[in-house]
Amino acid sequence: MSPKPVDIHVDPETKPRVPMIVAFPGEEVIFASHNGDSTFFFPEGNQIFEESESVVFLVESGNSVSRQIKTGVIDDSDNKETVARRGALFVEYAVHCTQGDETYFAEGNSAPKIIIPRFP
């Protein structure tokens, strides 16, 4: 499977909406930042990503960071009842963007989510 790209184009004037991510367990997600730095905050990041020991990670302008969804993320979830009912794990996240001395949260109208379906 090809990696899921999450491109953040930092622009304090337009404050673009952050994309929703759909990724299955074991898939790779690439977070990229353009025109400024992006700090990603996943409340359960250290529980859903293989490479994360923290719930926050920084992507500097012009760079990208790769994270892999844990293969057992749904089986190990505390939300087993919700996952069973919906067939997926929904995790909200936030992105804090910085360009020069301008900063803002790039969530748009609602908090973006990563959706981890139970089955491919």
N, C-alpha and C. Protein backbone atom coordinates (compact mmCIF):
# COMPACT_ATOMS: atom_id res chain seq x y z
N MET A 1 0.83 -1.18 0.00
CA MET A 1 0.00 0.00 0.00
C MET A 1 0.89 1.25 0.00
N SER A 2 0.45 2.26 -0.73
CA SER A 2 1.23 3.49 -0.77
C SER A 2 0.92 4.35 0.44
N PRO A 3 1.91 5.16 0.87
CA PRO A 3 1.71 6.01 2.05
C PRO A 3 0.60 7.03 1.83
N LYS A 4 -0.07 7.39 2.90
CA LYS A 4 -1.10 8.41 2.88
C LYS A 4 -0.44 9.76 3.14
N PRO A 5 -0.48 10.72 2.18
CA PRO A 5 0.15 12.02 2.42
C PRO A 5 -0.78 12.99 3.13
N VAL A 6 -0.23 13.74 4.07
CA VAL A 6 -0.94 14.82 4.74
C VAL A 6 -0.08 16.06 4.54
N ASP A 7 -0.44 16.88 3.55
CA ASP A 7 0.32 18.09 3.24
C ASP A 7 -0.32 19.29 3.92
N ILE A 8 0.47 19.99 4.72
CA ILE A 8 0.00 21.20 5.39
C ILE A 8 0.69 22.39 4.71
N HIS A 9 -0.11 23.26 4.11
CA HIS A 9 0.40 24.47 3.47
C HIS A 9 0.10 25.64 4.42
N VAL A 10 1.14 26.06 5.14
CA VAL A 10 0.99 27.09 6.16
C VAL A 10 0.73 28.44 5.50
N ASP A 11 -0.39 29.06 5.86
CA ASP A 11 -0.75 30.39 5.36
C ASP A 11 -1.66 31.05 6.39
N PRO A 12 -1.11 31.97 7.21
CA PRO A 12 -1.91 32.59 8.27
C PRO A 12 -3.14 33.36 7.76
N GLU A 13 -3.12 33.79 6.49
CA GLU A 13 -4.25 34.54 5.96
C GLU A 13 -5.43 33.65 5.60
N THR A 14 -5.16 32.51 4.98
CA THR A 14 -6.27 31.64 4.55
C THR A 14 -6.56 30.52 5.52
N LYS A 15 -5.60 30.16 6.38
CA LYS A 15 -5.75 29.08 7.36
C LYS A 15 -6.45 27.86 6.75
N PRO A 16 -5.76 27.18 5.83
CA PRO A 16 -6.40 26.05 5.14
C PRO A 16 -6.82 24.94 6.09
N ARG A 17 -7.86 24.23 5.69
CA ARG A 17 -8.40 23.13 6.47
C ARG A 17 -7.44 21.95 6.45
N VAL A 18 -7.30 21.31 7.57
CA VAL A 18 -6.43 20.15 7.70
C VAL A 18 -7.22 18.92 7.24
N PRO A 19 -6.60 18.05 6.45
CA PRO A 19 -7.35 16.92 5.90
C PRO A 19 -7.65 15.82 6.92
N MET A 20 -8.77 15.15 6.67
CA MET A 20 -9.08 13.94 7.41
C MET A 20 -8.22 12.83 6.80
N ILE A 21 -7.77 11.90 7.62
CA ILE A 21 -6.92 10.80 7.16
C ILE A 21 -7.70 9.50 7.33
N VAL A 22 -7.65 8.64 6.31
CA VAL A 22 -8.18 7.28 6.43
C VAL A 22 -7.00 6.35 6.19
N ALA A 23 -6.61 5.61 7.22
CA ALA A 23 -5.47 4.71 7.11
C ALA A 23 -5.75 3.43 7.89
N PHE A 24 -5.44 2.31 7.28
CA PHE A 24 -5.64 1.01 7.91
C PHE A 24 -4.46 0.67 8.81
N PRO A 25 -4.66 -0.19 9.80
CA PRO A 25 -3.54 -0.65 10.63
C PRO A 25 -2.40 -1.17 9.74
N GLY A 26 -1.17 -0.77 10.06
CA GLY A 26 0.00 -1.17 9.30
C GLY A 26 0.38 -0.21 8.19
N GLU A 27 -0.52 0.70 7.82
CA GLU A 27 -0.22 1.66 6.76
C GLU A 27 0.64 2.81 7.27
N GLU A 28 1.37 3.40 6.34
CA GLU A 28 2.24 4.53 6.64
C GLU A 28 1.52 5.83 6.27
N VAL A 29 1.67 6.85 7.12
CA VAL A 29 1.14 8.18 6.87
C VAL A 29 2.32 9.15 6.87
N ILE A 30 2.40 10.00 5.84
CA ILE A 30 3.48 10.97 5.74
C ILE A 30 2.92 12.36 5.99
N PHE A 31 3.46 13.05 6.99
CA PHE A 31 3.05 14.40 7.34
C PHE A 31 4.09 15.37 6.80
N ALA A 32 3.67 16.31 5.95
CA ALA A 32 4.59 17.28 5.34
C ALA A 32 4.14 18.69 5.63
N SER A 33 5.11 19.60 5.76
CA SER A 33 4.79 21.00 6.03
C SER A 33 5.46 21.87 4.96
N HIS A 34 4.70 22.85 4.46
CA HIS A 34 5.19 23.76 3.42
C HIS A 34 4.96 25.20 3.85
N ASN A 35 5.92 26.07 3.58
CA ASN A 35 5.83 27.51 3.85
C ASN A 35 5.81 27.86 5.34
N GLY A 36 6.15 26.95 6.20
CA GLY A 36 6.19 27.18 7.63
C GLY A 36 6.26 25.87 8.38
N ASP A 37 6.40 25.94 9.69
CA ASP A 37 6.48 24.74 10.53
C ASP A 37 5.09 24.31 10.97
N SER A 38 4.91 23.00 11.13
CA SER A 38 3.64 22.45 11.61
C SER A 38 3.92 21.51 12.78
N THR A 39 3.20 21.72 13.87
CA THR A 39 3.30 20.83 15.02
C THR A 39 2.01 20.03 15.09
N PHE A 40 2.13 18.71 15.02
CA PHE A 40 0.98 17.81 15.03
C PHE A 40 0.77 17.30 16.45
N PHE A 41 -0.47 17.35 16.91
CA PHE A 41 -0.82 16.87 18.23
C PHE A 41 -1.90 15.80 18.09
N PHE A 42 -1.54 14.56 18.44
CA PHE A 42 -2.46 13.43 18.46
C PHE A 42 -2.65 13.03 19.92
N PRO A 43 -3.84 13.25 20.48
CA PRO A 43 -4.04 12.91 21.90
C PRO A 43 -3.64 11.48 22.25
N GLU A 44 -3.77 10.56 21.28
CA GLU A 44 -3.40 9.16 21.52
C GLU A 44 -2.26 8.72 20.60
N GLY A 45 -1.41 9.67 20.22
CA GLY A 45 -0.35 9.41 19.25
C GLY A 45 0.60 8.29 19.64
N ASN A 46 0.94 8.23 20.92
CA ASN A 46 1.87 7.19 21.35
C ASN A 46 1.18 5.82 21.40
N GLN A 47 -0.13 5.79 21.21
CA GLN A 47 -0.85 4.52 21.21
C GLN A 47 -1.24 4.06 19.80
N ILE A 48 -1.25 5.00 18.82
CA ILE A 48 -1.67 4.60 17.48
C ILE A 48 -0.53 4.51 16.48
N PHE A 49 0.61 5.18 16.74
CA PHE A 49 1.73 5.15 15.82
C PHE A 49 2.87 4.29 16.36
N GLU A 50 3.49 3.50 15.49
CA GLU A 50 4.63 2.66 15.88
C GLU A 50 5.80 3.51 16.39
N GLU A 51 6.10 4.61 15.67
CA GLU A 51 7.32 5.38 15.91
C GLU A 51 7.19 6.44 17.00
N SER A 52 6.00 6.66 17.53
CA SER A 52 5.80 7.78 18.45
C SER A 52 5.92 7.37 19.90
N GLU A 53 6.76 8.09 20.61
CA GLU A 53 6.82 7.95 22.06
C GLU A 53 6.09 9.12 22.69
N SER A 54 5.74 10.10 21.87
CA SER A 54 5.07 11.30 22.35
C SER A 54 3.78 11.51 21.58
N VAL A 55 2.93 12.38 22.08
CA VAL A 55 1.68 12.70 21.39
C VAL A 55 1.85 13.91 20.48
N VAL A 56 3.03 14.53 20.49
CA VAL A 56 3.31 15.73 19.70
C VAL A 56 4.56 15.51 18.86
N PHE A 57 4.52 15.94 17.59
CA PHE A 57 5.75 15.94 16.80
C PHE A 57 5.76 17.14 15.85
N LEU A 58 6.96 17.67 15.60
CA LEU A 58 7.16 18.86 14.78
C LEU A 58 7.62 18.44 13.39
N VAL A 59 7.06 19.11 12.37
CA VAL A 59 7.53 18.95 11.00
C VAL A 59 7.96 20.34 10.55
N GLU A 60 9.25 20.50 10.32
CA GLU A 60 9.77 21.80 9.91
C GLU A 60 9.45 22.06 8.45
N SER A 61 9.38 23.32 8.09
CA SER A 61 9.04 23.74 6.74
C SER A 61 9.90 23.04 5.68
N GLY A 62 9.26 22.49 4.67
CA GLY A 62 9.96 21.81 3.58
C GLY A 62 10.33 20.37 3.90
N ASN A 63 9.96 19.88 5.06
CA ASN A 63 10.30 18.51 5.46
C ASN A 63 9.05 17.66 5.64
N SER A 64 9.27 16.38 5.87
CA SER A 64 8.16 15.47 6.15
C SER A 64 8.58 14.47 7.21
N VAL A 65 7.58 13.90 7.87
CA VAL A 65 7.79 12.90 8.91
C VAL A 65 6.85 11.74 8.61
N SER A 66 7.36 10.53 8.71
CA SER A 66 6.58 9.34 8.42
C SER A 66 6.21 8.64 9.73
N ARG A 67 4.95 8.20 9.82
CA ARG A 67 4.47 7.44 10.97
C ARG A 67 3.66 6.25 10.46
N GLN A 68 3.83 5.11 11.10
CA GLN A 68 3.09 3.90 10.72
C GLN A 68 2.04 3.60 11.78
N ILE A 69 0.81 3.32 11.32
CA ILE A 69 -0.28 2.95 12.22
C ILE A 69 0.04 1.58 12.80
N LYS A 70 -0.07 1.43 14.11
CA LYS A 70 0.19 0.13 14.74
C LYS A 70 -0.77 -0.92 14.21
N THR A 71 -0.27 -2.12 14.00
CA THR A 71 -1.11 -3.18 13.46
C THR A 71 -2.18 -3.62 14.45
N GLY A 72 -1.93 -3.54 15.74
CA GLY A 72 -2.91 -3.96 16.73
C GLY A 72 -3.69 -2.82 17.36
N VAL A 73 -3.72 -1.66 16.71
CA VAL A 73 -4.32 -0.47 17.31
C VAL A 73 -5.80 -0.65 17.65
N ILE A 74 -6.54 -1.36 16.84
CA ILE A 74 -7.97 -1.54 17.12
C ILE A 74 -8.17 -2.60 18.19
N ASP A 75 -7.41 -3.67 18.16
CA ASP A 75 -7.55 -4.72 19.17
C ASP A 75 -7.17 -4.24 20.56
N ASP A 76 -6.20 -3.30 20.63
CA ASP A 76 -5.72 -2.81 21.91
C ASP A 76 -6.48 -1.58 22.38
N SER A 77 -7.46 -1.14 21.62
CA SER A 77 -8.17 0.10 21.91
C SER A 77 -9.02 0.00 23.17
N ASP A 78 -9.07 1.11 23.90
CA ASP A 78 -9.97 1.20 25.05
C ASP A 78 -11.41 1.43 24.60
N ASN A 79 -11.57 1.80 23.33
CA ASN A 79 -12.89 2.11 22.78
C ASN A 79 -13.46 0.93 22.01
N LYS A 80 -13.31 -0.27 22.51
CA LYS A 80 -13.73 -1.47 21.77
C LYS A 80 -15.21 -1.43 21.42
N GLU A 81 -16.05 -0.93 22.31
CA GLU A 81 -17.48 -0.86 22.02
C GLU A 81 -17.75 0.08 20.85
N THR A 82 -17.10 1.25 20.85
CA THR A 82 -17.27 2.21 19.76
C THR A 82 -16.74 1.63 18.45
N VAL A 83 -15.58 1.00 18.48
CA VAL A 83 -15.01 0.41 17.27
C VAL A 83 -15.92 -0.68 16.73
N ALA A 84 -16.46 -1.51 17.60
CA ALA A 84 -17.35 -2.59 17.16
C ALA A 84 -18.60 -2.02 16.51
N ARG A 85 -19.13 -0.94 17.06
CA ARG A 85 -20.35 -0.35 16.53
C ARG A 85 -20.10 0.35 15.20
N ARG A 86 -19.02 1.10 15.09
CA ARG A 86 -18.74 1.88 13.88
C ARG A 86 -17.85 1.14 12.88
N GLY A 87 -17.11 0.14 13.33
CA GLY A 87 -16.20 -0.57 12.44
C GLY A 87 -14.89 0.15 12.20
N ALA A 88 -14.62 1.22 12.98
CA ALA A 88 -13.38 1.98 12.81
C ALA A 88 -13.07 2.73 14.11
N LEU A 89 -11.80 3.12 14.24
CA LEU A 89 -11.35 3.94 15.35
C LEU A 89 -11.20 5.37 14.84
N PHE A 90 -11.85 6.34 15.49
CA PHE A 90 -11.79 7.75 15.09
C PHE A 90 -10.93 8.49 16.10
N VAL A 91 -9.86 9.14 15.62
CA VAL A 91 -8.94 9.86 16.50
C VAL A 91 -8.83 11.30 16.00
N GLU A 92 -9.27 12.27 16.80
CA GLU A 92 -9.12 13.67 16.45
C GLU A 92 -7.69 14.11 16.69
N TYR A 93 -7.23 15.05 15.86
CA TYR A 93 -5.90 15.62 16.04
C TYR A 93 -5.93 17.10 15.72
N ALA A 94 -4.87 17.80 16.07
CA ALA A 94 -4.76 19.23 15.83
C ALA A 94 -3.41 19.53 15.21
N VAL A 95 -3.35 20.64 14.47
CA VAL A 95 -2.10 21.08 13.86
C VAL A 95 -1.90 22.55 14.21
N HIS A 96 -0.75 22.86 14.78
CA HIS A 96 -0.39 24.24 15.12
C HIS A 96 0.63 24.69 14.09
N CYS A 97 0.30 25.74 13.33
CA CYS A 97 1.17 26.21 12.25
C CYS A 97 1.89 27.49 12.65
N THR A 98 3.15 27.60 12.21
CA THR A 98 3.96 28.78 12.48
C THR A 98 4.64 29.23 11.20
N GLN A 99 4.46 30.52 10.87
CA GLN A 99 5.14 31.14 9.74
C GLN A 99 5.64 32.49 10.22
N GLY A 100 6.96 32.63 10.34
CA GLY A 100 7.51 33.84 10.92
C GLY A 100 7.04 33.98 12.35
N ASP A 101 6.39 35.11 12.68
CA ASP A 101 5.87 35.28 14.03
C ASP A 101 4.35 35.10 14.09
N GLU A 102 3.76 34.59 13.00
CA GLU A 102 2.33 34.29 12.95
C GLU A 102 2.11 32.82 13.32
N THR A 103 1.17 32.56 14.23
CA THR A 103 0.83 31.19 14.59
C THR A 103 -0.69 31.03 14.65
N TYR A 104 -1.14 29.83 14.36
CA TYR A 104 -2.57 29.54 14.42
C TYR A 104 -2.79 28.04 14.45
N PHE A 105 -3.96 27.62 14.93
CA PHE A 105 -4.36 26.22 14.84
C PHE A 105 -5.07 26.03 13.51
N ALA A 106 -4.66 25.06 12.75
CA ALA A 106 -5.16 24.84 11.39
C ALA A 106 -6.23 23.76 11.36
N GLU A 107 -7.23 23.88 12.19
CA GLU A 107 -8.25 22.85 12.26
C GLU A 107 -9.42 23.09 11.33
N GLY A 108 -9.60 24.31 10.87
CA GLY A 108 -10.75 24.61 10.03
C GLY A 108 -12.02 24.68 10.85
N ASN A 109 -13.15 24.25 10.26
CA ASN A 109 -14.44 24.34 10.93
C ASN A 109 -14.63 23.30 12.03
N SER A 110 -13.94 22.19 11.93
CA SER A 110 -14.01 21.16 12.97
C SER A 110 -12.67 20.45 13.04
N ALA A 111 -12.45 19.82 14.15
CA ALA A 111 -11.17 19.12 14.32
C ALA A 111 -11.03 18.01 13.29
N PRO A 112 -9.87 17.91 12.63
CA PRO A 112 -9.65 16.82 11.69
C PRO A 112 -9.53 15.50 12.44
N LYS A 113 -9.73 14.41 11.71
CA LYS A 113 -9.69 13.08 12.32
C LYS A 113 -8.81 12.16 11.49
N ILE A 114 -8.27 11.16 12.17
CA ILE A 114 -7.69 10.03 11.48
C ILE A 114 -8.67 8.88 11.75
N ILE A 115 -9.11 8.25 10.67
CA ILE A 115 -10.05 7.15 10.76
C ILE A 115 -9.29 5.87 10.44
N ILE A 116 -9.30 4.94 11.39
CA ILE A 116 -8.60 3.66 11.21
C ILE A 116 -9.66 2.57 11.11
N PRO A 117 -9.99 2.16 9.88
CA PRO A 117 -11.02 1.12 9.70
C PRO A 117 -10.54 -0.23 10.21
N ARG A 118 -11.49 -1.02 10.63
CA ARG A 118 -11.18 -2.35 11.15
C ARG A 118 -10.67 -3.27 10.05
N PHE A 119 -11.31 -3.26 8.89
CA PHE A 119 -10.94 -4.17 7.80
C PHE A 119 -10.64 -3.41 6.54
N PRO A 120 -9.66 -3.88 5.72
CA PRO A 120 -9.39 -3.22 4.44
C PRO A 120 -10.50 -3.44 3.43
